[in-house]
Structure formats: C-alpha cells, structure tokens
C-alpha cells in the first residue's frame, strides 16, 4: 500500500486531484468510487462486481423502507 499527499485543485465547478499513473495501472481501472464521511475521503477502484448493496448507506436505506412498510401496511 502506498500513501502520498496531493492537493485538490479547482476544475470547473468541482475540485480534482491528480492520481499518479502507477496508482491507476495498479488499480486496473479508470473508474473509481468516492466515499465521504465527516472525517474521511476515500478513493477506491470500482470493481466489476460493485453493486448497490456495497454502497455505504444501503443497509440504512433498506431499514428505512422496512420501518415505513410496517407503519403503512
């Protein structure tokens, strides 16, 4: 695992970060998933098998659906 420090820069109405070519080659993909929490921003390669179930808030969403379904049968 490699760790490097990069600065964000403005790119249109967004921010961007340069990712070294070696990192992209090692990931084997040019698509990434961004995950954000109040204390953490993660960038990870998008796998072929990534599904909605792998989304961080999916379990919370399903729970909310179940609770709502029980309130309004």
C-alpha atoms as a PDB file:
ATOM      1  CA  UNK A   1       0.000   0.000   0.000  1.00  0.00           C
ATOM      2  CA  UNK A   2       1.330   3.406  -0.952  1.00  0.00           C
ATOM      3  CA  UNK A   3       0.334   6.698   0.596  1.00  0.00           C
ATOM      4  CA  UNK A   4       1.045  10.084  -0.962  1.00  0.00           C
ATOM      5  CA  UNK A   5      -0.153  13.598  -0.241  1.00  0.00           C
ATOM      6  CA  UNK A   6      -1.814  15.574  -3.023  1.00  0.00           C
ATOM      7  CA  UNK A   7      -3.529  18.965  -3.116  1.00  0.00           C
ATOM      8  CA  UNK A   8      -7.013  19.445  -4.513  1.00  0.00           C
ATOM      9  CA  UNK A   9      -7.375  21.978  -7.301  1.00  0.00           C
ATOM     10  CA  UNK A  10     -10.344  23.707  -8.924  1.00  0.00           C
ATOM     11  CA  UNK A  11     -11.632  22.085 -12.102  1.00  0.00           C
ATOM     12  CA  UNK A  12     -14.702  23.902 -13.407  1.00  0.00           C
ATOM     13  CA  UNK A  13     -17.330  23.859 -10.666  1.00  0.00           C
ATOM     14  CA  UNK A  14     -15.640  20.965  -8.853  1.00  0.00           C
ATOM     15  CA  UNK A  15     -12.355  20.004  -7.289  1.00  0.00           C
ATOM     16  CA  UNK A  16      -9.938  17.440  -8.687  1.00  0.00           C
ATOM     17  CA  UNK A  17      -6.820  15.567  -7.637  1.00  0.00           C
ATOM     18  CA  UNK A  18      -4.006  14.200  -9.800  1.00  0.00           C
ATOM     19  CA  UNK A  19      -3.563  10.462  -9.311  1.00  0.00           C
ATOM     20  CA  UNK A  20      -0.155   9.055 -10.292  1.00  0.00           C
ATOM     21  CA  UNK A  21      -0.174   6.793 -13.359  1.00  0.00           C
ATOM     22  CA  UNK A  22       1.294   3.901 -11.335  1.00  0.00           C
ATOM     23  CA  UNK A  23      -1.710   4.020  -8.994  1.00  0.00           C
ATOM     24  CA  UNK A  24      -4.120   3.865 -11.939  1.00  0.00           C
ATOM     25  CA  UNK A  25      -2.230   0.996 -13.581  1.00  0.00           C
ATOM     26  CA  UNK A  26      -2.152  -0.976 -10.318  1.00  0.00           C
ATOM     27  CA  UNK A  27      -5.898  -0.443  -9.843  1.00  0.00           C
ATOM     28  CA  UNK A  28      -6.605  -1.870 -13.292  1.00  0.00           C
ATOM     29  CA  UNK A  29      -9.473   0.543 -13.946  1.00  0.00           C
ATOM     30  CA  UNK A  30     -10.105   4.164 -14.789  1.00  0.00           C
ATOM     31  CA  UNK A  31     -13.329   4.297 -12.759  1.00  0.00           C
ATOM     32  CA  UNK A  32     -13.294   4.991  -9.038  1.00  0.00           C
ATOM     33  CA  UNK A  33     -15.733   5.185  -6.162  1.00  0.00           C
ATOM     34  CA  UNK A  34     -15.558   8.185  -3.837  1.00  0.00           C
ATOM     35  CA  UNK A  35     -16.662   7.687  -0.248  1.00  0.00           C
ATOM     36  CA  UNK A  36     -17.018  10.637   2.088  1.00  0.00           C
ATOM     37  CA  UNK A  37     -17.586  10.909   5.827  1.00  0.00           C
ATOM     38  CA  UNK A  38     -17.087  13.981   8.013  1.00  0.00           C
ATOM     39  CA  UNK A  39     -13.525  12.839   8.809  1.00  0.00           C
ATOM     40  CA  UNK A  40     -12.520  10.813   5.760  1.00  0.00           C
ATOM     41  CA  UNK A  41     -12.477  10.970   1.969  1.00  0.00           C
ATOM     42  CA  UNK A  42     -11.620   7.696   0.238  1.00  0.00           C
ATOM     43  CA  UNK A  43     -10.966   6.891  -3.398  1.00  0.00           C
ATOM     44  CA  UNK A  44     -11.050   3.227  -4.385  1.00  0.00           C
ATOM     45  CA  UNK A  45     -11.177   1.380  -7.700  1.00  0.00           C
ATOM     46  CA  UNK A  46     -14.618   0.451  -8.987  1.00  0.00           C
ATOM     47  CA  UNK A  47     -14.772  -3.322  -9.251  1.00  0.00           C
ATOM     48  CA  UNK A  48     -16.771  -5.102 -11.920  1.00  0.00           C
ATOM     49  CA  UNK A  49     -18.969  -6.613  -9.205  1.00  0.00           C
ATOM     50  CA  UNK A  50     -19.714  -3.418  -7.258  1.00  0.00           C
ATOM     51  CA  UNK A  51     -23.444  -3.369  -6.622  1.00  0.00           C
ATOM     52  CA  UNK A  52     -25.912  -1.170  -4.807  1.00  0.00           C
ATOM     53  CA  UNK A  53     -25.563  -3.485  -1.807  1.00  0.00           C
ATOM     54  CA  UNK A  54     -21.946  -2.365  -1.431  1.00  0.00           C
ATOM     55  CA  UNK A  55     -22.973   1.283  -1.064  1.00  0.00           C
ATOM     56  CA  UNK A  56     -22.302   2.575   2.472  1.00  0.00           C
ATOM     57  CA  UNK A  57     -25.891   3.761   3.083  1.00  0.00           C
ATOM     58  CA  UNK A  58     -27.680   0.778   1.507  1.00  0.00           C
ATOM     59  CA  UNK A  59     -28.397  -1.012   4.813  1.00  0.00           C
ATOM     60  CA  UNK A  60     -29.773   2.203   6.314  1.00  0.00           C
ATOM     61  CA  UNK A  61     -31.981   2.685   3.239  1.00  0.00           C
ATOM     62  CA  UNK A  62     -33.392  -0.857   3.468  1.00  0.00           C
ATOM     63  CA  UNK A  63     -34.070  -0.400   7.184  1.00  0.00           C
ATOM     64  CA  UNK A  64     -35.947   2.846   6.494  1.00  0.00           C
ATOM     65  CA  UNK A  65     -38.029   1.094   3.812  1.00  0.00           C
ATOM     66  CA  UNK A  66     -38.893  -1.741   6.203  1.00  0.00           C
ATOM     67  CA  UNK A  67     -39.862   0.647   9.010  1.00  0.00           C
ATOM     68  CA  UNK A  68     -42.046   2.665   6.635  1.00  0.00           C
ATOM     69  CA  UNK A  69     -43.666  -0.509   5.277  1.00  0.00           C
ATOM     70  CA  UNK A  70     -44.544  -1.616   8.816  1.00  0.00           C
ATOM     71  CA  UNK A  71     -46.104   1.785   9.580  1.00  0.00           C
ATOM     72  CA  UNK A  72     -48.172   1.776   6.372  1.00  0.00           C
ATOM     73  CA  UNK A  73     -49.097  -1.852   5.540  1.00  0.00           C
END
